[in-house]
Amino acid sequence: LERRASGWNSLGWGLIVASVLSGW
């Protein structure tokens, strides 16, 4: 995106955390 989107970034990193927890 042209400007930083902290909401989308937070969602992406949250999905990574959810992926780790689900894998565990």
mmCIF file of all heavy atoms, coordinates in Angstrom:
data_MODEL
# 
_entry.id   MODEL 
# 
loop_
_atom_site.group_PDB 
_atom_site.id 
_atom_site.type_symbol 
_atom_site.label_atom_id 
_atom_site.label_alt_id 
_atom_site.label_comp_id 
_atom_site.label_asym_id 
_atom_site.label_entity_id 
_atom_site.label_seq_id 
_atom_site.pdbx_PDB_ins_code 
_atom_site.Cartn_x 
_atom_site.Cartn_y 
_atom_site.Cartn_z 
_atom_site.occupancy 
_atom_site.B_iso_or_equiv 
_atom_site.pdbx_formal_charge 
_atom_site.auth_seq_id 
_atom_site.auth_comp_id 
_atom_site.auth_asym_id 
_atom_site.auth_atom_id 
_atom_site.pdbx_PDB_model_num 
ATOM 1   N N   . LEU A 1 1  ? 0.834  -1.200  0.000  1.00 0.00 ? 1  LEU A N   1 
ATOM 2   C CA  . LEU A 1 1  ? 0.000  0.000   0.000  1.00 0.00 ? 1  LEU A CA  1 
ATOM 3   C C   . LEU A 1 1  ? 0.871  1.254   0.000  1.00 0.00 ? 1  LEU A C   1 
ATOM 4   O O   . LEU A 1 1  ? 2.026  1.226   0.414  1.00 0.00 ? 1  LEU A O   1 
ATOM 5   C CB  . LEU A 1 1  ? -0.912 0.002   1.236  1.00 0.00 ? 1  LEU A CB  1 
ATOM 6   C CG  . LEU A 1 1  ? -1.929 -1.136  1.324  1.00 0.00 ? 1  LEU A CG  1 
ATOM 7   C CD1 . LEU A 1 1  ? -2.654 -1.087  2.662  1.00 0.00 ? 1  LEU A CD1 1 
ATOM 8   C CD2 . LEU A 1 1  ? -2.911 -1.044  0.175  1.00 0.00 ? 1  LEU A CD2 1 
ATOM 9   N N   . GLU A 1 2  ? 0.298  2.365   -0.445 1.00 0.00 ? 2  GLU A N   1 
ATOM 10  C CA  . GLU A 1 2  ? 1.054  3.610   -0.493 1.00 0.00 ? 2  GLU A CA  1 
ATOM 11  C C   . GLU A 1 2  ? 1.385  4.132   0.899  1.00 0.00 ? 2  GLU A C   1 
ATOM 12  O O   . GLU A 1 2  ? 2.429  4.711   1.116  1.00 0.00 ? 2  GLU A O   1 
ATOM 13  C CB  . GLU A 1 2  ? 0.273  4.663   -1.277 1.00 0.00 ? 2  GLU A CB  1 
ATOM 14  C CG  . GLU A 1 2  ? 0.255  4.412   -2.761 1.00 0.00 ? 2  GLU A CG  1 
ATOM 15  C CD  . GLU A 1 2  ? -0.392 5.559   -3.508 1.00 0.00 ? 2  GLU A CD  1 
ATOM 16  O OE1 . GLU A 1 2  ? -0.408 6.686   -2.990 1.00 0.00 ? 2  GLU A OE1 1 
ATOM 17  O OE2 . GLU A 1 2  ? -0.869 5.311   -4.615 1.00 0.00 ? 2  GLU A OE2 1 
ATOM 18  N N   . ARG A 1 3  ? 0.474  3.957   1.825  1.00 0.00 ? 3  ARG A N   1 
ATOM 19  C CA  . ARG A 1 3  ? 0.697  4.409   3.197  1.00 0.00 ? 3  ARG A CA  1 
ATOM 20  C C   . ARG A 1 3  ? 0.712  3.205   4.131  1.00 0.00 ? 3  ARG A C   1 
ATOM 21  O O   . ARG A 1 3  ? 0.153  2.167   3.828  1.00 0.00 ? 3  ARG A O   1 
ATOM 22  C CB  . ARG A 1 3  ? -0.411 5.367   3.626  1.00 0.00 ? 3  ARG A CB  1 
ATOM 23  C CG  . ARG A 1 3  ? -0.448 6.625   2.812  1.00 0.00 ? 3  ARG A CG  1 
ATOM 24  C CD  . ARG A 1 3  ? -1.467 7.583   3.386  1.00 0.00 ? 3  ARG A CD  1 
ATOM 25  N NE  . ARG A 1 3  ? -1.600 8.751   2.560  1.00 0.00 ? 3  ARG A NE  1 
ATOM 26  C CZ  . ARG A 1 3  ? -0.913 9.858   2.717  1.00 0.00 ? 3  ARG A CZ  1 
ATOM 27  N NH1 . ARG A 1 3  ? -0.047 9.945   3.691  1.00 0.00 ? 3  ARG A NH1 1 
ATOM 28  N NH2 . ARG A 1 3  ? -1.086 10.879  1.925  1.00 0.00 ? 3  ARG A NH2 1 
ATOM 29  N N   . ARG A 1 4  ? 1.341  3.401   5.260  1.00 0.00 ? 4  ARG A N   1 
ATOM 30  C CA  . ARG A 1 4  ? 1.398  2.318   6.234  1.00 0.00 ? 4  ARG A CA  1 
ATOM 31  C C   . ARG A 1 4  ? 0.001  2.027   6.768  1.00 0.00 ? 4  ARG A C   1 
ATOM 32  O O   . ARG A 1 4  ? -0.758 2.922   7.080  1.00 0.00 ? 4  ARG A O   1 
ATOM 33  C CB  . ARG A 1 4  ? 2.314  2.684   7.386  1.00 0.00 ? 4  ARG A CB  1 
ATOM 34  C CG  . ARG A 1 4  ? 3.745  2.723   6.952  1.00 0.00 ? 4  ARG A CG  1 
ATOM 35  C CD  . ARG A 1 4  ? 4.649  2.912   8.108  1.00 0.00 ? 4  ARG A CD  1 
ATOM 36  N NE  . ARG A 1 4  ? 6.019  2.972   7.589  1.00 0.00 ? 4  ARG A NE  1 
ATOM 37  C CZ  . ARG A 1 4  ? 7.040  3.325   8.291  1.00 0.00 ? 4  ARG A CZ  1 
ATOM 38  N NH1 . ARG A 1 4  ? 6.889  3.657   9.549  1.00 0.00 ? 4  ARG A NH1 1 
ATOM 39  N NH2 . ARG A 1 4  ? 8.233  3.357   7.767  1.00 0.00 ? 4  ARG A NH2 1 
ATOM 40  N N   . ALA A 1 5  ? -0.305 0.762   6.875  1.00 0.00 ? 5  ALA A N   1 
ATOM 41  C CA  . ALA A 1 5  ? -1.612 0.334   7.367  1.00 0.00 ? 5  ALA A CA  1 
ATOM 42  C C   . ALA A 1 5  ? -1.388 -0.554  8.592  1.00 0.00 ? 5  ALA A C   1 
ATOM 43  O O   . ALA A 1 5  ? -1.224 -1.765  8.468  1.00 0.00 ? 5  ALA A O   1 
ATOM 44  C CB  . ALA A 1 5  ? -2.361 -0.422  6.284  1.00 0.00 ? 5  ALA A CB  1 
ATOM 45  N N   . SER A 1 6  ? -1.361 0.066   9.762  1.00 0.00 ? 6  SER A N   1 
ATOM 46  C CA  . SER A 1 6  ? -1.049 -0.688  10.971 1.00 0.00 ? 6  SER A CA  1 
ATOM 47  C C   . SER A 1 6  ? -2.106 -1.752  11.268 1.00 0.00 ? 6  SER A C   1 
ATOM 48  O O   . SER A 1 6  ? -1.789 -2.801  11.824 1.00 0.00 ? 6  SER A O   1 
ATOM 49  C CB  . SER A 1 6  ? -0.881 0.251   12.165 1.00 0.00 ? 6  SER A CB  1 
ATOM 50  O OG  . SER A 1 6  ? -2.056 1.000   12.366 1.00 0.00 ? 6  SER A OG  1 
ATOM 51  N N   . GLY A 1 7  ? -3.334 -1.505  10.905 1.00 0.00 ? 7  GLY A N   1 
ATOM 52  C CA  . GLY A 1 7  ? -4.377 -2.505  11.118 1.00 0.00 ? 7  GLY A CA  1 
ATOM 53  C C   . GLY A 1 7  ? -4.124 -3.775  10.314 1.00 0.00 ? 7  GLY A C   1 
ATOM 54  O O   . GLY A 1 7  ? -4.241 -4.892  10.830 1.00 0.00 ? 7  GLY A O   1 
ATOM 55  N N   . TRP A 1 8  ? -3.774 -3.620  9.032  1.00 0.00 ? 8  TRP A N   1 
ATOM 56  C CA  . TRP A 1 8  ? -3.490 -4.775  8.198  1.00 0.00 ? 8  TRP A CA  1 
ATOM 57  C C   . TRP A 1 8  ? -2.225 -5.480  8.667  1.00 0.00 ? 8  TRP A C   1 
ATOM 58  O O   . TRP A 1 8  ? -2.149 -6.714  8.657  1.00 0.00 ? 8  TRP A O   1 
ATOM 59  C CB  . TRP A 1 8  ? -3.359 -4.373  6.733  1.00 0.00 ? 8  TRP A CB  1 
ATOM 60  C CG  . TRP A 1 8  ? -4.676 -4.079  6.086  1.00 0.00 ? 8  TRP A CG  1 
ATOM 61  C CD1 . TRP A 1 8  ? -5.150 -2.861  5.703  1.00 0.00 ? 8  TRP A CD1 1 
ATOM 62  C CD2 . TRP A 1 8  ? -5.700 -5.024  5.766  1.00 0.00 ? 8  TRP A CD2 1 
ATOM 63  N NE1 . TRP A 1 8  ? -6.408 -2.981  5.165  1.00 0.00 ? 8  TRP A NE1 1 
ATOM 64  C CE2 . TRP A 1 8  ? -6.767 -4.306  5.190  1.00 0.00 ? 8  TRP A CE2 1 
ATOM 65  C CE3 . TRP A 1 8  ? -5.838 -6.391  5.909  1.00 0.00 ? 8  TRP A CE3 1 
ATOM 66  C CZ2 . TRP A 1 8  ? -7.932 -4.920  4.759  1.00 0.00 ? 8  TRP A CZ2 1 
ATOM 67  C CZ3 . TRP A 1 8  ? -7.002 -7.001  5.484  1.00 0.00 ? 8  TRP A CZ3 1 
ATOM 68  C CH2 . TRP A 1 8  ? -8.032 -6.275  4.915  1.00 0.00 ? 8  TRP A CH2 1 
ATOM 69  N N   . ASN A 1 9  ? -1.207 -4.709  9.048  1.00 0.00 ? 9  ASN A N   1 
ATOM 70  C CA  . ASN A 1 9  ? 0.025  -5.311  9.573  1.00 0.00 ? 9  ASN A CA  1 
ATOM 71  C C   . ASN A 1 9  ? -0.268 -6.115  10.834 1.00 0.00 ? 9  ASN A C   1 
ATOM 72  O O   . ASN A 1 9  ? 0.226  -7.229  11.002 1.00 0.00 ? 9  ASN A O   1 
ATOM 73  C CB  . ASN A 1 9  ? 1.083  -4.244  9.866  1.00 0.00 ? 9  ASN A CB  1 
ATOM 74  C CG  . ASN A 1 9  ? 1.764  -3.761  8.612  1.00 0.00 ? 9  ASN A CG  1 
ATOM 75  O OD1 . ASN A 1 9  ? 1.899  -4.490  7.644  1.00 0.00 ? 9  ASN A OD1 1 
ATOM 76  N ND2 . ASN A 1 9  ? 2.183  -2.509  8.628  1.00 0.00 ? 9  ASN A ND2 1 
ATOM 77  N N   . SER A 1 10 ? -1.066 -5.549  11.724 1.00 0.00 ? 10 SER A N   1 
ATOM 78  C CA  . SER A 1 10 ? -1.419 -6.253  12.964 1.00 0.00 ? 10 SER A CA  1 
ATOM 79  C C   . SER A 1 10 ? -2.192 -7.537  12.656 1.00 0.00 ? 10 SER A C   1 
ATOM 80  O O   . SER A 1 10 ? -1.957 -8.574  13.287 1.00 0.00 ? 10 SER A O   1 
ATOM 81  C CB  . SER A 1 10 ? -2.255 -5.354  13.865 1.00 0.00 ? 10 SER A CB  1 
ATOM 82  O OG  . SER A 1 10 ? -1.527 -4.213  14.239 1.00 0.00 ? 10 SER A OG  1 
ATOM 83  N N   . LEU A 1 11 ? -3.110 -7.470  11.700 1.00 0.00 ? 11 LEU A N   1 
ATOM 84  C CA  . LEU A 1 11 ? -3.855 -8.660  11.314 1.00 0.00 ? 11 LEU A CA  1 
ATOM 85  C C   . LEU A 1 11 ? -2.914 -9.732  10.774 1.00 0.00 ? 11 LEU A C   1 
ATOM 86  O O   . LEU A 1 11 ? -3.019 -10.912 11.147 1.00 0.00 ? 11 LEU A O   1 
ATOM 87  C CB  . LEU A 1 11 ? -4.921 -8.313  10.265 1.00 0.00 ? 11 LEU A CB  1 
ATOM 88  C CG  . LEU A 1 11 ? -5.694 -9.512  9.693  1.00 0.00 ? 11 LEU A CG  1 
ATOM 89  C CD1 . LEU A 1 11 ? -6.496 -10.207 10.787 1.00 0.00 ? 11 LEU A CD1 1 
ATOM 90  C CD2 . LEU A 1 11 ? -6.585 -9.068  8.550  1.00 0.00 ? 11 LEU A CD2 1 
ATOM 91  N N   . GLY A 1 12 ? -1.983 -9.341  9.916  1.00 0.00 ? 12 GLY A N   1 
ATOM 92  C CA  . GLY A 1 12 ? -1.032 -10.306 9.347  1.00 0.00 ? 12 GLY A CA  1 
ATOM 93  C C   . GLY A 1 12 ? -0.192 -10.983 10.415 1.00 0.00 ? 12 GLY A C   1 
ATOM 94  O O   . GLY A 1 12 ? -0.046 -12.216 10.434 1.00 0.00 ? 12 GLY A O   1 
ATOM 95  N N   . TRP A 1 13 ? 0.366  -10.192 11.330 1.00 0.00 ? 13 TRP A N   1 
ATOM 96  C CA  . TRP A 1 13 ? 1.188  -10.776 12.396 1.00 0.00 ? 13 TRP A CA  1 
ATOM 97  C C   . TRP A 1 13 ? 0.329  -11.590 13.355 1.00 0.00 ? 13 TRP A C   1 
ATOM 98  O O   . TRP A 1 13 ? 0.769  -12.616 13.881 1.00 0.00 ? 13 TRP A O   1 
ATOM 99  C CB  . TRP A 1 13 ? 1.983  -9.698  13.124 1.00 0.00 ? 13 TRP A CB  1 
ATOM 100 C CG  . TRP A 1 13 ? 3.094  -9.178  12.270 1.00 0.00 ? 13 TRP A CG  1 
ATOM 101 C CD1 . TRP A 1 13 ? 3.149  -7.955  11.679 1.00 0.00 ? 13 TRP A CD1 1 
ATOM 102 C CD2 . TRP A 1 13 ? 4.281  -9.864  11.875 1.00 0.00 ? 13 TRP A CD2 1 
ATOM 103 N NE1 . TRP A 1 13 ? 4.302  -7.841  10.937 1.00 0.00 ? 13 TRP A NE1 1 
ATOM 104 C CE2 . TRP A 1 13 ? 5.016  -9.000  11.045 1.00 0.00 ? 13 TRP A CE2 1 
ATOM 105 C CE3 . TRP A 1 13 ? 4.788  -11.136 12.137 1.00 0.00 ? 13 TRP A CE3 1 
ATOM 106 C CZ2 . TRP A 1 13 ? 6.234  -9.373  10.480 1.00 0.00 ? 13 TRP A CZ2 1 
ATOM 107 C CZ3 . TRP A 1 13 ? 6.003  -11.495 11.572 1.00 0.00 ? 13 TRP A CZ3 1 
ATOM 108 C CH2 . TRP A 1 13 ? 6.713  -10.612 10.761 1.00 0.00 ? 13 TRP A CH2 1 
ATOM 109 N N   . GLY A 1 14 ? -0.895 -11.174 13.573 1.00 0.00 ? 14 GLY A N   1 
ATOM 110 C CA  . GLY A 1 14 ? -1.813 -11.955 14.400 1.00 0.00 ? 14 GLY A CA  1 
ATOM 111 C C   . GLY A 1 14 ? -2.113 -13.316 13.777 1.00 0.00 ? 14 GLY A C   1 
ATOM 112 O O   . GLY A 1 14 ? -2.225 -14.327 14.479 1.00 0.00 ? 14 GLY A O   1 
ATOM 113 N N   . LEU A 1 15 ? -2.247 -13.349 12.442 1.00 0.00 ? 15 LEU A N   1 
ATOM 114 C CA  . LEU A 1 15 ? -2.464 -14.620 11.763 1.00 0.00 ? 15 LEU A CA  1 
ATOM 115 C C   . LEU A 1 15 ? -1.255 -15.539 11.891 1.00 0.00 ? 15 LEU A C   1 
ATOM 116 O O   . LEU A 1 15 ? -1.402 -16.769 11.999 1.00 0.00 ? 15 LEU A O   1 
ATOM 117 C CB  . LEU A 1 15 ? -2.793 -14.382 10.277 1.00 0.00 ? 15 LEU A CB  1 
ATOM 118 C CG  . LEU A 1 15 ? -4.181 -13.818 9.990  1.00 0.00 ? 15 LEU A CG  1 
ATOM 119 C CD1 . LEU A 1 15 ? -4.312 -13.456 8.511  1.00 0.00 ? 15 LEU A CD1 1 
ATOM 120 C CD2 . LEU A 1 15 ? -5.255 -14.807 10.401 1.00 0.00 ? 15 LEU A CD2 1 
ATOM 121 N N   . ILE A 1 16 ? -0.055 -14.958 11.898 1.00 0.00 ? 16 ILE A N   1 
ATOM 122 C CA  . ILE A 1 16 ? 1.147  -15.780 12.093 1.00 0.00 ? 16 ILE A CA  1 
ATOM 123 C C   . ILE A 1 16 ? 1.146  -16.378 13.495 1.00 0.00 ? 16 ILE A C   1 
ATOM 124 O O   . ILE A 1 16 ? 1.452  -17.560 13.681 1.00 0.00 ? 16 ILE A O   1 
ATOM 125 C CB  . ILE A 1 16 ? 2.425  -14.963 11.814 1.00 0.00 ? 16 ILE A CB  1 
ATOM 126 C CG1 . ILE A 1 16 ? 2.557  -14.750 10.309 1.00 0.00 ? 16 ILE A CG1 1 
ATOM 127 C CG2 . ILE A 1 16 ? 3.654  -15.660 12.383 1.00 0.00 ? 16 ILE A CG2 1 
ATOM 128 C CD1 . ILE A 1 16 ? 3.750  -13.964 9.877  1.00 0.00 ? 16 ILE A CD1 1 
ATOM 129 N N   . VAL A 1 17 ? 0.787  -15.577 14.488 1.00 0.00 ? 17 VAL A N   1 
ATOM 130 C CA  . VAL A 1 17 ? 0.701  -16.098 15.856 1.00 0.00 ? 17 VAL A CA  1 
ATOM 131 C C   . VAL A 1 17 ? -0.359 -17.201 15.923 1.00 0.00 ? 17 VAL A C   1 
ATOM 132 O O   . VAL A 1 17 ? -0.138 -18.260 16.533 1.00 0.00 ? 17 VAL A O   1 
ATOM 133 C CB  . VAL A 1 17 ? 0.394  -14.961 16.856 1.00 0.00 ? 17 VAL A CB  1 
ATOM 134 C CG1 . VAL A 1 17 ? 0.048  -15.502 18.225 1.00 0.00 ? 17 VAL A CG1 1 
ATOM 135 C CG2 . VAL A 1 17 ? 1.570  -13.992 16.944 1.00 0.00 ? 17 VAL A CG2 1 
ATOM 136 N N   . ALA A 1 18 ? -1.500 -16.985 15.280 1.00 0.00 ? 18 ALA A N   1 
ATOM 137 C CA  . ALA A 1 18 ? -2.554 -17.998 15.262 1.00 0.00 ? 18 ALA A CA  1 
ATOM 138 C C   . ALA A 1 18 ? -2.078 -19.268 14.556 1.00 0.00 ? 18 ALA A C   1 
ATOM 139 O O   . ALA A 1 18 ? -2.417 -20.382 14.979 1.00 0.00 ? 18 ALA A O   1 
ATOM 140 C CB  . ALA A 1 18 ? -3.806 -17.447 14.580 1.00 0.00 ? 18 ALA A CB  1 
ATOM 141 N N   . SER A 1 19 ? -1.274 -19.112 13.526 1.00 0.00 ? 19 SER A N   1 
ATOM 142 C CA  . SER A 1 19 ? -0.725 -20.273 12.819 1.00 0.00 ? 19 SER A CA  1 
ATOM 143 C C   . SER A 1 19 ? 0.185  -21.080 13.735 1.00 0.00 ? 19 SER A C   1 
ATOM 144 O O   . SER A 1 19 ? 0.110  -22.312 13.774 1.00 0.00 ? 19 SER A O   1 
ATOM 145 C CB  . SER A 1 19 ? 0.050  -19.802 11.583 1.00 0.00 ? 19 SER A CB  1 
ATOM 146 O OG  . SER A 1 19 ? 0.751  -20.859 10.994 1.00 0.00 ? 19 SER A OG  1 
ATOM 147 N N   . VAL A 1 20 ? 1.042  -20.399 14.472 1.00 0.00 ? 20 VAL A N   1 
ATOM 148 C CA  . VAL A 1 20 ? 1.937  -21.088 15.409 1.00 0.00 ? 20 VAL A CA  1 
ATOM 149 C C   . VAL A 1 20 ? 1.136  -21.813 16.488 1.00 0.00 ? 20 VAL A C   1 
ATOM 150 O O   . VAL A 1 20 ? 1.386  -22.983 16.790 1.00 0.00 ? 20 VAL A O   1 
ATOM 151 C CB  . VAL A 1 20 ? 2.937  -20.090 16.040 1.00 0.00 ? 20 VAL A CB  1 
ATOM 152 C CG1 . VAL A 1 20 ? 3.691  -20.718 17.197 1.00 0.00 ? 20 VAL A CG1 1 
ATOM 153 C CG2 . VAL A 1 20 ? 3.909  -19.570 14.986 1.00 0.00 ? 20 VAL A CG2 1 
ATOM 154 N N   . LEU A 1 21 ? 0.153  -21.118 17.056 1.00 0.00 ? 21 LEU A N   1 
ATOM 155 C CA  . LEU A 1 21 ? -0.658 -21.741 18.113 1.00 0.00 ? 21 LEU A CA  1 
ATOM 156 C C   . LEU A 1 21 ? -1.458 -22.928 17.591 1.00 0.00 ? 21 LEU A C   1 
ATOM 157 O O   . LEU A 1 21 ? -1.573 -23.967 18.257 1.00 0.00 ? 21 LEU A O   1 
ATOM 158 C CB  . LEU A 1 21 ? -1.583 -20.693 18.739 1.00 0.00 ? 21 LEU A CB  1 
ATOM 159 C CG  . LEU A 1 21 ? -0.890 -19.565 19.502 1.00 0.00 ? 21 LEU A CG  1 
ATOM 160 C CD1 . LEU A 1 21 ? -1.906 -18.538 19.974 1.00 0.00 ? 21 LEU A CD1 1 
ATOM 161 C CD2 . LEU A 1 21 ? -0.063 -20.099 20.651 1.00 0.00 ? 21 LEU A CD2 1 
ATOM 162 N N   . SER A 1 22 ? -2.005 -22.809 16.387 1.00 0.00 ? 22 SER A N   1 
ATOM 163 C CA  . SER A 1 22 ? -2.766 -23.902 15.796 1.00 0.00 ? 22 SER A CA  1 
ATOM 164 C C   . SER A 1 22 ? -1.859 -25.084 15.478 1.00 0.00 ? 22 SER A C   1 
ATOM 165 O O   . SER A 1 22 ? -2.228 -26.245 15.703 1.00 0.00 ? 22 SER A O   1 
ATOM 166 C CB  . SER A 1 22 ? -3.475 -23.420 14.530 1.00 0.00 ? 22 SER A CB  1 
ATOM 167 O OG  . SER A 1 22 ? -4.197 -24.451 13.936 1.00 0.00 ? 22 SER A OG  1 
ATOM 168 N N   . GLY A 1 23 ? -0.669 -24.801 14.958 1.00 0.00 ? 23 GLY A N   1 
ATOM 169 C CA  . GLY A 1 23 ? 0.283  -25.873 14.680 1.00 0.00 ? 23 GLY A CA  1 
ATOM 170 C C   . GLY A 1 23 ? 0.708  -26.593 15.946 1.00 0.00 ? 23 GLY A C   1 
ATOM 171 O O   . GLY A 1 23 ? 0.825  -27.822 15.971 1.00 0.00 ? 23 GLY A O   1 
ATOM 172 N N   . TRP A 1 24 ? 0.910  -25.824 17.017 1.00 0.00 ? 24 TRP A N   1 
ATOM 173 C CA  . TRP A 1 24 ? 1.291  -26.419 18.295 1.00 0.00 ? 24 TRP A CA  1 
ATOM 174 C C   . TRP A 1 24 ? 0.163  -27.286 18.851 1.00 0.00 ? 24 TRP A C   1 
ATOM 175 O O   . TRP A 1 24 ? 0.398  -28.394 19.330 1.00 0.00 ? 24 TRP A O   1 
ATOM 176 C CB  . TRP A 1 24 ? 1.675  -25.344 19.295 1.00 0.00 ? 24 TRP A CB  1 
ATOM 177 C CG  . TRP A 1 24 ? 2.187  -25.938 20.572 1.00 0.00 ? 24 TRP A CG  1 
ATOM 178 C CD1 . TRP A 1 24 ? 1.488  -26.215 21.692 1.00 0.00 ? 24 TRP A CD1 1 
ATOM 179 C CD2 . TRP A 1 24 ? 3.524  -26.366 20.820 1.00 0.00 ? 24 TRP A CD2 1 
ATOM 180 N NE1 . TRP A 1 24 ? 2.304  -26.778 22.637 1.00 0.00 ? 24 TRP A NE1 1 
ATOM 181 C CE2 . TRP A 1 24 ? 3.561  -26.889 22.128 1.00 0.00 ? 24 TRP A CE2 1 
ATOM 182 C CE3 . TRP A 1 24 ? 4.695  -26.353 20.070 1.00 0.00 ? 24 TRP A CE3 1 
ATOM 183 C CZ2 . TRP A 1 24 ? 4.714  -27.393 22.698 1.00 0.00 ? 24 TRP A CZ2 1 
ATOM 184 C CZ3 . TRP A 1 24 ? 5.847  -26.855 20.641 1.00 0.00 ? 24 TRP A CZ3 1 
ATOM 185 C CH2 . TRP A 1 24 ? 5.854  -27.369 21.930 1.00 0.00 ? 24 TRP A CH2 1 
# 
